[in-house]
Amino acid sequence: MPQRPYVIDQMISAKSIAARIEDLSCEIHDEFAGTDKLVVVGLLRGSFVFIADLVRELDLPIEVDFLEASSYGDGMESSREVRILKDLRGAIEGRDVLVVEDIIDTGYTMHHVQNLMLSRKPARLKTIALLDKPTRREVEIKADWTGFEIPDEFVVGYGIDFAQRNRNLPYIGKVRFT
């Protein structure tokens, strides 16, 4: 099926994202000061740019791992069925863990991942999302830290895709069909 033509209107600039990550990293550092190692778990694929920039700002001993969860496929709407496509490589029992998500929309993915991580008995589990769309929430969940609250718009850029496109944009943009 051919994709409808669209344009992308910038919503959040690369400069604004960088400044917000710097602020968030200070708060995360304060929360985890004294940890022997923080396991930063990136939810693939959308968080890969965010996690890279975030861990470079954290002055803590860090281990990075990834979990791939999917509830969208190539569409614009959540299927509400969360599938784990790639699990963690390492154990998190008794460890400090920070789960990094690109966007919390309906809440199903973060809810599922948070319950999965808690079942593995970490010492501490905290969550961060670059973007939050609270008006779309169907599951009661809130990240410990949020970069930006956004309206109910379909967004791309900074690692977030539309049918595997536009991840490489340095900013967050709203998709507008032409």
N, C-alpha and C. Protein backbone atom coordinates (compact mmCIF):
# COMPACT_ATOMS: atom_id res chain seq x y z
N MET A 1 0.84 -1.18 0.00
CA MET A 1 0.00 0.00 0.00
C MET A 1 0.88 1.24 0.00
N PRO A 2 0.74 2.13 -0.96
CA PRO A 2 1.57 3.32 -0.99
C PRO A 2 1.26 4.25 0.17
N GLN A 3 2.29 4.91 0.66
CA GLN A 3 2.13 5.82 1.77
C GLN A 3 1.60 7.17 1.29
N ARG A 4 0.68 7.74 2.04
CA ARG A 4 0.15 9.07 1.70
C ARG A 4 1.26 10.10 1.87
N PRO A 5 1.30 11.12 1.00
CA PRO A 5 2.31 12.17 1.16
C PRO A 5 2.06 12.97 2.44
N TYR A 6 3.15 13.40 3.06
CA TYR A 6 3.03 14.17 4.29
C TYR A 6 4.21 15.14 4.40
N VAL A 7 4.03 16.12 5.25
CA VAL A 7 5.11 17.04 5.61
C VAL A 7 5.28 16.96 7.11
N ILE A 8 6.41 17.46 7.57
CA ILE A 8 6.71 17.43 9.00
C ILE A 8 6.91 18.86 9.48
N ASP A 9 6.10 19.26 10.44
CA ASP A 9 6.21 20.58 11.05
C ASP A 9 6.98 20.44 12.36
N GLN A 10 8.05 21.21 12.52
CA GLN A 10 8.85 21.12 13.74
C GLN A 10 8.03 21.54 14.95
N MET A 11 8.10 20.71 16.01
CA MET A 11 7.42 21.01 17.28
C MET A 11 8.42 21.36 18.38
N ILE A 12 9.50 20.55 18.46
CA ILE A 12 10.50 20.74 19.51
C ILE A 12 11.87 20.72 18.84
N SER A 13 12.61 21.79 18.99
CA SER A 13 13.91 21.93 18.33
C SER A 13 14.97 21.04 18.96
N ALA A 14 16.01 20.77 18.20
CA ALA A 14 17.15 19.99 18.70
C ALA A 14 17.78 20.70 19.91
N LYS A 15 17.84 22.01 19.86
CA LYS A 15 18.43 22.79 20.96
C LYS A 15 17.60 22.65 22.24
N SER A 16 16.27 22.68 22.10
CA SER A 16 15.38 22.50 23.26
C SER A 16 15.52 21.10 23.85
N ILE A 17 15.64 20.11 22.99
CA ILE A 17 15.81 18.72 23.45
C ILE A 17 17.11 18.59 24.24
N ALA A 18 18.20 19.13 23.69
CA ALA A 18 19.50 19.05 24.36
C ALA A 18 19.47 19.72 25.73
N ALA A 19 18.84 20.89 25.82
CA ALA A 19 18.75 21.60 27.10
C ALA A 19 17.94 20.81 28.11
N ARG A 20 16.85 20.21 27.65
CA ARG A 20 16.00 19.44 28.57
C ARG A 20 16.73 18.19 29.06
N ILE A 21 17.48 17.53 28.19
CA ILE A 21 18.23 16.34 28.59
C ILE A 21 19.28 16.71 29.64
N GLU A 22 19.89 17.86 29.48
CA GLU A 22 20.88 18.30 30.47
C GLU A 22 20.21 18.47 31.84
N ASP A 23 19.03 19.09 31.88
CA ASP A 23 18.30 19.25 33.14
C ASP A 23 17.89 17.91 33.74
N LEU A 24 17.35 17.03 32.89
CA LEU A 24 16.93 15.71 33.36
C LEU A 24 18.09 14.91 33.90
N SER A 25 19.24 14.99 33.25
CA SER A 25 20.41 14.21 33.70
C SER A 25 20.84 14.64 35.10
N CYS A 26 20.70 15.91 35.43
CA CYS A 26 21.03 16.37 36.78
C CYS A 26 20.10 15.74 37.81
N GLU A 27 18.81 15.70 37.50
CA GLU A 27 17.83 15.09 38.41
C GLU A 27 18.08 13.60 38.57
N ILE A 28 18.39 12.93 37.47
CA ILE A 28 18.66 11.49 37.52
C ILE A 28 19.94 11.23 38.31
N HIS A 29 20.94 12.06 38.09
CA HIS A 29 22.20 11.92 38.84
C HIS A 29 21.93 12.03 40.33
N ASP A 30 21.14 13.02 40.74
CA ASP A 30 20.82 13.19 42.16
C ASP A 30 20.09 11.97 42.72
N GLU A 31 19.17 11.41 41.93
CA GLU A 31 18.40 10.24 42.38
C GLU A 31 19.30 9.02 42.57
N PHE A 32 20.25 8.83 41.67
CA PHE A 32 21.07 7.61 41.69
C PHE A 32 22.49 7.84 42.19
N ALA A 33 22.76 8.99 42.78
CA ALA A 33 24.11 9.26 43.34
C ALA A 33 24.45 8.15 44.33
N GLY A 34 25.65 7.64 44.23
CA GLY A 34 26.08 6.58 45.13
C GLY A 34 25.82 5.18 44.62
N THR A 35 25.13 5.04 43.50
CA THR A 35 24.90 3.70 42.95
C THR A 35 26.22 3.09 42.50
N ASP A 36 26.35 1.78 42.64
CA ASP A 36 27.57 1.13 42.15
C ASP A 36 27.52 0.99 40.64
N LYS A 37 26.31 0.88 40.07
CA LYS A 37 26.13 0.87 38.62
C LYS A 37 24.64 1.00 38.31
N LEU A 38 24.34 1.91 37.41
CA LEU A 38 22.96 2.12 36.96
C LEU A 38 22.78 1.39 35.64
N VAL A 39 21.79 0.50 35.60
CA VAL A 39 21.46 -0.19 34.36
C VAL A 39 20.43 0.67 33.64
N VAL A 40 20.83 1.23 32.51
CA VAL A 40 19.95 2.06 31.71
C VAL A 40 19.39 1.16 30.61
N VAL A 41 18.07 0.96 30.64
CA VAL A 41 17.40 0.08 29.70
C VAL A 41 16.66 0.93 28.67
N GLY A 42 17.13 0.89 27.44
CA GLY A 42 16.47 1.62 26.37
C GLY A 42 15.43 0.75 25.70
N LEU A 43 14.24 1.33 25.48
CA LEU A 43 13.20 0.61 24.76
C LEU A 43 13.37 0.92 23.27
N LEU A 44 13.72 -0.11 22.54
CA LEU A 44 13.96 0.03 21.11
C LEU A 44 12.64 0.03 20.36
N ARG A 45 12.60 0.67 19.24
CA ARG A 45 13.71 1.32 18.61
C ARG A 45 13.71 2.81 18.86
N GLY A 46 12.56 3.36 19.21
CA GLY A 46 12.41 4.80 19.25
C GLY A 46 13.28 5.56 20.22
N SER A 47 13.78 4.91 21.27
CA SER A 47 14.55 5.63 22.29
C SER A 47 16.04 5.69 22.01
N PHE A 48 16.53 5.10 20.92
CA PHE A 48 17.98 4.95 20.78
C PHE A 48 18.73 6.28 20.73
N VAL A 49 18.18 7.31 20.11
CA VAL A 49 18.86 8.61 20.07
C VAL A 49 18.80 9.25 21.46
N PHE A 50 17.64 9.22 22.09
CA PHE A 50 17.45 9.78 23.42
C PHE A 50 18.38 9.12 24.43
N ILE A 51 18.45 7.80 24.42
CA ILE A 51 19.31 7.10 25.38
C ILE A 51 20.78 7.45 25.16
N ALA A 52 21.20 7.56 23.91
CA ALA A 52 22.60 7.90 23.63
C ALA A 52 22.94 9.28 24.20
N ASP A 53 22.09 10.25 23.95
CA ASP A 53 22.35 11.60 24.46
C ASP A 53 22.24 11.65 25.98
N LEU A 54 21.29 10.93 26.55
CA LEU A 54 21.09 10.93 28.00
C LEU A 54 22.29 10.32 28.73
N VAL A 55 22.75 9.16 28.31
CA VAL A 55 23.86 8.51 29.03
C VAL A 55 25.15 9.31 28.92
N ARG A 56 25.33 10.04 27.83
CA ARG A 56 26.53 10.88 27.72
C ARG A 56 26.51 12.03 28.73
N GLU A 57 25.32 12.41 29.17
CA GLU A 57 25.19 13.48 30.16
C GLU A 57 25.26 12.98 31.61
N LEU A 58 25.13 11.69 31.82
CA LEU A 58 25.10 11.15 33.18
C LEU A 58 26.51 10.85 33.68
N ASP A 59 26.88 11.47 34.79
CA ASP A 59 28.18 11.23 35.41
C ASP A 59 28.01 10.17 36.50
N LEU A 60 27.69 8.96 36.05
CA LEU A 60 27.46 7.81 36.92
C LEU A 60 28.06 6.57 36.26
N PRO A 61 28.39 5.54 37.05
CA PRO A 61 28.77 4.27 36.41
C PRO A 61 27.51 3.66 35.77
N ILE A 62 27.60 3.38 34.49
CA ILE A 62 26.42 2.97 33.73
C ILE A 62 26.67 1.70 32.94
N GLU A 63 25.65 0.88 32.89
CA GLU A 63 25.58 -0.25 31.96
C GLU A 63 24.34 -0.01 31.11
N VAL A 64 24.46 -0.21 29.82
CA VAL A 64 23.34 0.00 28.91
C VAL A 64 22.86 -1.35 28.38
N ASP A 65 21.56 -1.53 28.41
CA ASP A 65 20.94 -2.73 27.84
C ASP A 65 19.71 -2.27 27.08
N PHE A 66 19.16 -3.16 26.26
CA PHE A 66 18.01 -2.80 25.45
C PHE A 66 16.93 -3.86 25.52
N LEU A 67 15.71 -3.40 25.41
CA LEU A 67 14.53 -4.24 25.34
C LEU A 67 13.74 -3.71 24.15
N GLU A 68 13.28 -4.60 23.29
CA GLU A 68 12.46 -4.15 22.17
C GLU A 68 11.04 -4.63 22.40
N ALA A 69 10.16 -3.66 22.50
CA ALA A 69 8.74 -3.94 22.69
C ALA A 69 7.99 -3.26 21.55
N SER A 70 6.91 -3.88 21.12
CA SER A 70 6.15 -3.31 20.02
C SER A 70 4.67 -3.38 20.29
N SER A 71 4.01 -2.25 20.01
CA SER A 71 2.54 -2.24 20.02
C SER A 71 2.01 -1.45 18.84
N TYR A 72 2.90 -1.05 17.92
CA TYR A 72 2.49 -0.23 16.79
C TYR A 72 2.68 -0.88 15.43
N GLY A 73 3.75 -1.62 15.22
CA GLY A 73 4.06 -2.10 13.88
C GLY A 73 4.37 -0.91 13.01
N ASP A 74 3.81 -0.84 11.81
CA ASP A 74 4.05 0.30 10.92
C ASP A 74 2.91 1.30 10.91
N GLY A 75 1.96 1.12 11.81
CA GLY A 75 0.80 1.99 11.80
C GLY A 75 0.96 3.22 12.68
N MET A 76 -0.11 4.01 12.73
CA MET A 76 -0.13 5.23 13.52
C MET A 76 -0.90 5.04 14.83
N GLU A 77 -1.53 3.91 15.02
CA GLU A 77 -2.31 3.64 16.21
C GLU A 77 -1.77 2.42 16.93
N SER A 78 -1.78 2.48 18.26
CA SER A 78 -1.35 1.34 19.06
C SER A 78 -2.31 0.17 18.89
N SER A 79 -1.76 -1.04 18.82
CA SER A 79 -2.60 -2.23 18.76
C SER A 79 -3.09 -2.62 20.15
N ARG A 80 -2.48 -2.03 21.17
CA ARG A 80 -2.75 -2.31 22.58
C ARG A 80 -2.28 -3.69 23.01
N GLU A 81 -1.67 -4.41 22.11
CA GLU A 81 -1.08 -5.71 22.42
C GLU A 81 0.44 -5.53 22.39
N VAL A 82 1.06 -5.64 23.55
CA VAL A 82 2.50 -5.41 23.66
C VAL A 82 3.24 -6.72 23.50
N ARG A 83 4.17 -6.73 22.56
CA ARG A 83 5.00 -7.91 22.33
C ARG A 83 6.45 -7.55 22.62
N ILE A 84 7.15 -8.46 23.32
CA ILE A 84 8.58 -8.29 23.57
C ILE A 84 9.31 -8.98 22.43
N LEU A 85 10.00 -8.18 21.62
CA LEU A 85 10.72 -8.70 20.46
C LEU A 85 12.17 -9.01 20.77
N LYS A 86 12.75 -8.31 21.75
CA LYS A 86 14.13 -8.54 22.18
C LYS A 86 14.19 -8.27 23.67
N ASP A 87 14.68 -9.25 24.42
CA ASP A 87 14.75 -9.12 25.87
C ASP A 87 16.14 -8.62 26.28
N LEU A 88 16.27 -8.27 27.55
CA LEU A 88 17.55 -7.84 28.10
C LEU A 88 18.58 -8.95 28.00
N ARG A 89 19.83 -8.56 27.87
CA ARG A 89 20.92 -9.54 27.86
C ARG A 89 21.36 -9.89 29.27
N GLY A 90 21.26 -8.92 30.18
CA GLY A 90 21.74 -9.13 31.54
C GLY A 90 20.63 -9.18 32.56
N ALA A 91 20.99 -9.64 33.76
CA ALA A 91 20.04 -9.71 34.87
C ALA A 91 19.99 -8.35 35.57
N ILE A 92 18.82 -8.01 36.12
CA ILE A 92 18.68 -6.73 36.82
C ILE A 92 18.32 -6.92 38.29
N GLU A 93 18.21 -8.14 38.76
CA GLU A 93 17.84 -8.38 40.15
C GLU A 93 18.84 -7.69 41.08
N GLY A 94 18.29 -6.92 42.04
CA GLY A 94 19.12 -6.24 43.02
C GLY A 94 19.88 -5.03 42.48
N ARG A 95 19.58 -4.60 41.28
CA ARG A 95 20.32 -3.49 40.66
C ARG A 95 19.43 -2.27 40.49
N ASP A 96 20.05 -1.12 40.36
CA ASP A 96 19.33 0.12 40.07
C ASP A 96 19.08 0.17 38.56
N VAL A 97 17.83 0.44 38.18
CA VAL A 97 17.45 0.38 36.77
C VAL A 97 16.68 1.66 36.38
N LEU A 98 17.03 2.19 35.22
CA LEU A 98 16.32 3.31 34.62
C LEU A 98 15.83 2.87 33.26
N VAL A 99 14.51 2.83 33.06
CA VAL A 99 13.92 2.48 31.78
C VAL A 99 13.70 3.76 30.99
N VAL A 100 14.23 3.79 29.75
CA VAL A 100 14.16 4.96 28.89
C VAL A 100 13.22 4.68 27.73
N GLU A 101 12.16 5.48 27.63
CA GLU A 101 11.13 5.34 26.60
C GLU A 101 11.10 6.60 25.75
N ASP A 102 10.78 6.45 24.48
CA ASP A 102 10.69 7.63 23.61
C ASP A 102 9.40 8.41 23.88
N ILE A 103 8.27 7.70 23.94
CA ILE A 103 6.99 8.39 24.09
C ILE A 103 5.99 7.50 24.82
N ILE A 104 5.28 8.09 25.77
CA ILE A 104 4.18 7.38 26.41
C ILE A 104 2.90 7.93 25.81
N ASP A 105 2.15 7.04 25.19
CA ASP A 105 0.93 7.39 24.48
C ASP A 105 -0.24 6.77 25.26
N THR A 106 -0.72 5.63 24.84
CA THR A 106 -1.81 4.95 25.55
C THR A 106 -1.37 4.44 26.91
N GLY A 107 -0.07 4.17 27.05
CA GLY A 107 0.48 3.68 28.31
C GLY A 107 0.68 2.18 28.35
N TYR A 108 0.16 1.46 27.37
CA TYR A 108 0.26 0.00 27.38
C TYR A 108 1.70 -0.51 27.39
N THR A 109 2.55 0.05 26.55
CA THR A 109 3.93 -0.44 26.48
C THR A 109 4.66 -0.21 27.80
N MET A 110 4.62 1.02 28.31
CA MET A 110 5.34 1.31 29.56
C MET A 110 4.78 0.49 30.71
N HIS A 111 3.47 0.33 30.77
CA HIS A 111 2.85 -0.48 31.83
C HIS A 111 3.36 -1.92 31.78
N HIS A 112 3.35 -2.49 30.59
CA HIS A 112 3.81 -3.87 30.40
C HIS A 112 5.30 -3.99 30.78
N VAL A 113 6.11 -3.08 30.28
CA VAL A 113 7.56 -3.15 30.54
C VAL A 113 7.86 -2.92 32.01
N GLN A 114 7.18 -1.99 32.62
CA GLN A 114 7.40 -1.73 34.05
C GLN A 114 7.06 -2.97 34.88
N ASN A 115 5.95 -3.62 34.60
CA ASN A 115 5.60 -4.85 35.32
C ASN A 115 6.61 -5.96 35.07
N LEU A 116 7.08 -6.08 33.84
CA LEU A 116 8.10 -7.08 33.51
C LEU A 116 9.38 -6.82 34.30
N MET A 117 9.83 -5.57 34.33
CA MET A 117 11.05 -5.22 35.06
C MET A 117 10.88 -5.45 36.56
N LEU A 118 9.74 -5.06 37.11
CA LEU A 118 9.50 -5.25 38.55
C LEU A 118 9.49 -6.74 38.92
N SER A 119 9.02 -7.59 38.01
CA SER A 119 9.01 -9.04 38.29
C SER A 119 10.43 -9.60 38.40
N ARG A 120 11.40 -8.86 37.91
CA ARG A 120 12.80 -9.29 37.96
C ARG A 120 13.53 -8.73 39.18
N LYS A 121 12.81 -8.09 40.07
CA LYS A 121 13.26 -7.65 41.39
C LYS A 121 14.49 -6.72 41.37
N PRO A 122 14.39 -5.59 40.68
CA PRO A 122 15.49 -4.62 40.76
C PRO A 122 15.51 -3.96 42.14
N ALA A 123 16.66 -3.41 42.55
CA ALA A 123 16.73 -2.67 43.81
C ALA A 123 15.86 -1.42 43.71
N ARG A 124 16.00 -0.70 42.62
CA ARG A 124 15.19 0.48 42.32
C ARG A 124 14.86 0.48 40.85
N LEU A 125 13.64 0.88 40.52
CA LEU A 125 13.23 1.00 39.12
C LEU A 125 12.62 2.37 38.92
N LYS A 126 13.19 3.13 38.01
CA LYS A 126 12.67 4.45 37.66
C LYS A 126 12.49 4.48 36.15
N THR A 127 11.63 5.39 35.70
CA THR A 127 11.34 5.49 34.28
C THR A 127 11.46 6.93 33.81
N ILE A 128 11.83 7.07 32.54
CA ILE A 128 11.90 8.38 31.91
C ILE A 128 11.37 8.25 30.49
N ALA A 129 10.61 9.25 30.08
CA ALA A 129 10.09 9.30 28.72
C ALA A 129 10.44 10.67 28.14
N LEU A 130 10.91 10.67 26.92
CA LEU A 130 11.19 11.94 26.26
C LEU A 130 9.89 12.72 26.07
N LEU A 131 8.85 12.03 25.59
CA LEU A 131 7.58 12.67 25.30
C LEU A 131 6.44 11.98 26.03
N ASP A 132 5.43 12.76 26.39
CA ASP A 132 4.25 12.20 27.05
C ASP A 132 3.01 12.84 26.43
N LYS A 133 2.05 11.98 26.08
CA LYS A 133 0.75 12.42 25.56
C LYS A 133 -0.33 12.00 26.56
N PRO A 134 -0.50 12.73 27.64
CA PRO A 134 -1.44 12.29 28.68
C PRO A 134 -2.90 12.21 28.21
N THR A 135 -3.26 12.98 27.20
CA THR A 135 -4.66 12.93 26.73
C THR A 135 -4.99 11.61 26.04
N ARG A 136 -3.97 10.82 25.67
CA ARG A 136 -4.19 9.54 25.00
C ARG A 136 -4.17 8.36 25.98
N ARG A 137 -3.89 8.60 27.24
CA ARG A 137 -3.68 7.53 28.19
C ARG A 137 -4.91 6.66 28.37
N GLU A 138 -4.69 5.35 28.27
CA GLU A 138 -5.74 4.36 28.52
C GLU A 138 -5.38 3.48 29.71
N VAL A 139 -4.11 3.51 30.11
CA VAL A 139 -3.62 2.75 31.24
C VAL A 139 -2.99 3.74 32.22
N GLU A 140 -3.29 3.60 33.49
CA GLU A 140 -2.77 4.51 34.50
C GLU A 140 -1.27 4.29 34.68
N ILE A 141 -0.48 5.20 34.12
CA ILE A 141 0.98 5.11 34.22
C ILE A 141 1.55 6.50 34.02
N LYS A 142 2.63 6.79 34.74
CA LYS A 142 3.32 8.07 34.60
C LYS A 142 4.80 7.81 34.80
N ALA A 143 5.61 8.38 33.92
CA ALA A 143 7.06 8.24 34.06
C ALA A 143 7.54 9.08 35.25
N ASP A 144 8.64 8.64 35.84
CA ASP A 144 9.23 9.41 36.93
C ASP A 144 9.76 10.76 36.42
N TRP A 145 10.27 10.76 35.19
CA TRP A 145 10.73 11.99 34.55
C TRP A 145 10.17 12.04 33.13
N THR A 146 9.82 13.23 32.70
CA THR A 146 9.32 13.45 31.35
C THR A 146 10.04 14.63 30.74
N GLY A 147 10.44 14.46 29.48
CA GLY A 147 11.08 15.56 28.78
C GLY A 147 10.08 16.63 28.40
N PHE A 148 9.06 16.25 27.65
CA PHE A 148 8.07 17.20 27.15
C PHE A 148 6.69 16.56 27.13
N GLU A 149 5.70 17.31 27.57
CA GLU A 149 4.32 16.89 27.40
C GLU A 149 3.85 17.48 26.08
N ILE A 150 3.24 16.64 25.24
CA ILE A 150 2.80 17.11 23.92
C ILE A 150 1.32 16.81 23.71
N PRO A 151 0.69 17.54 22.79
CA PRO A 151 -0.71 17.26 22.47
C PRO A 151 -0.83 15.97 21.65
N ASP A 152 -2.04 15.58 21.40
CA ASP A 152 -2.31 14.36 20.65
C ASP A 152 -2.02 14.58 19.16
N GLU A 153 -0.75 14.49 18.82
CA GLU A 153 -0.27 14.62 17.44
C GLU A 153 0.61 13.42 17.15
N PHE A 154 0.65 13.00 15.89
CA PHE A 154 1.57 11.93 15.51
C PHE A 154 2.91 12.59 15.21
N VAL A 155 3.94 12.18 15.96
CA VAL A 155 5.24 12.83 15.86
C VAL A 155 6.32 11.88 15.36
N VAL A 156 7.36 12.48 14.80
CA VAL A 156 8.53 11.75 14.31
C VAL A 156 9.78 12.55 14.65
N GLY A 157 10.92 11.90 14.42
CA GLY A 157 12.20 12.56 14.62
C GLY A 157 12.84 12.16 15.93
N TYR A 158 14.14 12.45 16.02
CA TYR A 158 14.91 12.17 17.23
C TYR A 158 14.74 10.71 17.66
N GLY A 159 14.75 9.81 16.67
CA GLY A 159 14.64 8.38 16.92
C GLY A 159 13.25 7.80 16.70
N ILE A 160 12.24 8.65 16.70
CA ILE A 160 10.85 8.21 16.55
C ILE A 160 10.51 8.17 15.07
N ASP A 161 9.84 7.10 14.65
CA ASP A 161 9.61 6.88 13.23
C ASP A 161 8.13 6.89 12.85
N PHE A 162 7.93 6.96 11.56
CA PHE A 162 6.63 6.67 10.94
C PHE A 162 6.95 5.67 9.84
N ALA A 163 6.54 4.41 10.06
CA ALA A 163 6.81 3.32 9.11
C ALA A 163 8.30 3.24 8.78
N GLN A 164 9.13 3.33 9.81
CA GLN A 164 10.59 3.21 9.73
C GLN A 164 11.25 4.39 9.00
N ARG A 165 10.60 5.51 8.93
CA ARG A 165 11.18 6.72 8.31
C ARG A 165 11.24 7.84 9.33
N ASN A 166 12.12 8.79 9.08
CA ASN A 166 12.24 10.05 9.82
C ASN A 166 12.91 9.93 11.18
N ARG A 167 13.47 8.77 11.53
CA ARG A 167 14.17 8.62 12.81
C ARG A 167 15.37 9.57 12.91
N ASN A 168 15.96 9.91 11.76
CA ASN A 168 17.21 10.67 11.74
C ASN A 168 17.03 12.17 11.88
N LEU A 169 15.81 12.66 11.97
CA LEU A 169 15.61 14.10 12.16
C LEU A 169 16.15 14.51 13.53
N PRO A 170 16.84 15.65 13.63
CA PRO A 170 17.42 16.07 14.92
C PRO A 170 16.41 16.74 15.85
N TYR A 171 15.18 16.87 15.43
CA TYR A 171 14.13 17.53 16.20
C TYR A 171 12.90 16.63 16.23
N ILE A 172 11.90 17.03 17.02
CA ILE A 172 10.61 16.35 17.05
C ILE A 172 9.67 17.14 16.15
N GLY A 173 9.03 16.44 15.22
CA GLY A 173 8.11 17.11 14.32
C GLY A 173 6.77 16.42 14.25
N LYS A 174 5.76 17.18 13.93
CA LYS A 174 4.39 16.69 13.80
C LYS A 174 4.17 16.30 12.34
N VAL A 175 3.62 15.11 12.13
CA VAL A 175 3.29 14.64 10.78
C VAL A 175 1.96 15.27 10.35
N ARG A 176 1.99 15.89 9.18
CA ARG A 176 0.78 16.48 8.62
C ARG A 176 0.61 15.96 7.20
N PHE A 177 -0.49 15.28 6.95
CA PHE A 177 -0.74 14.70 5.63
C PHE A 177 -1.18 15.79 4.67
N THR A 178 -0.67 15.69 3.42
CA THR A 178 -0.98 16.71 2.41
C THR A 178 -2.01 16.19 1.42
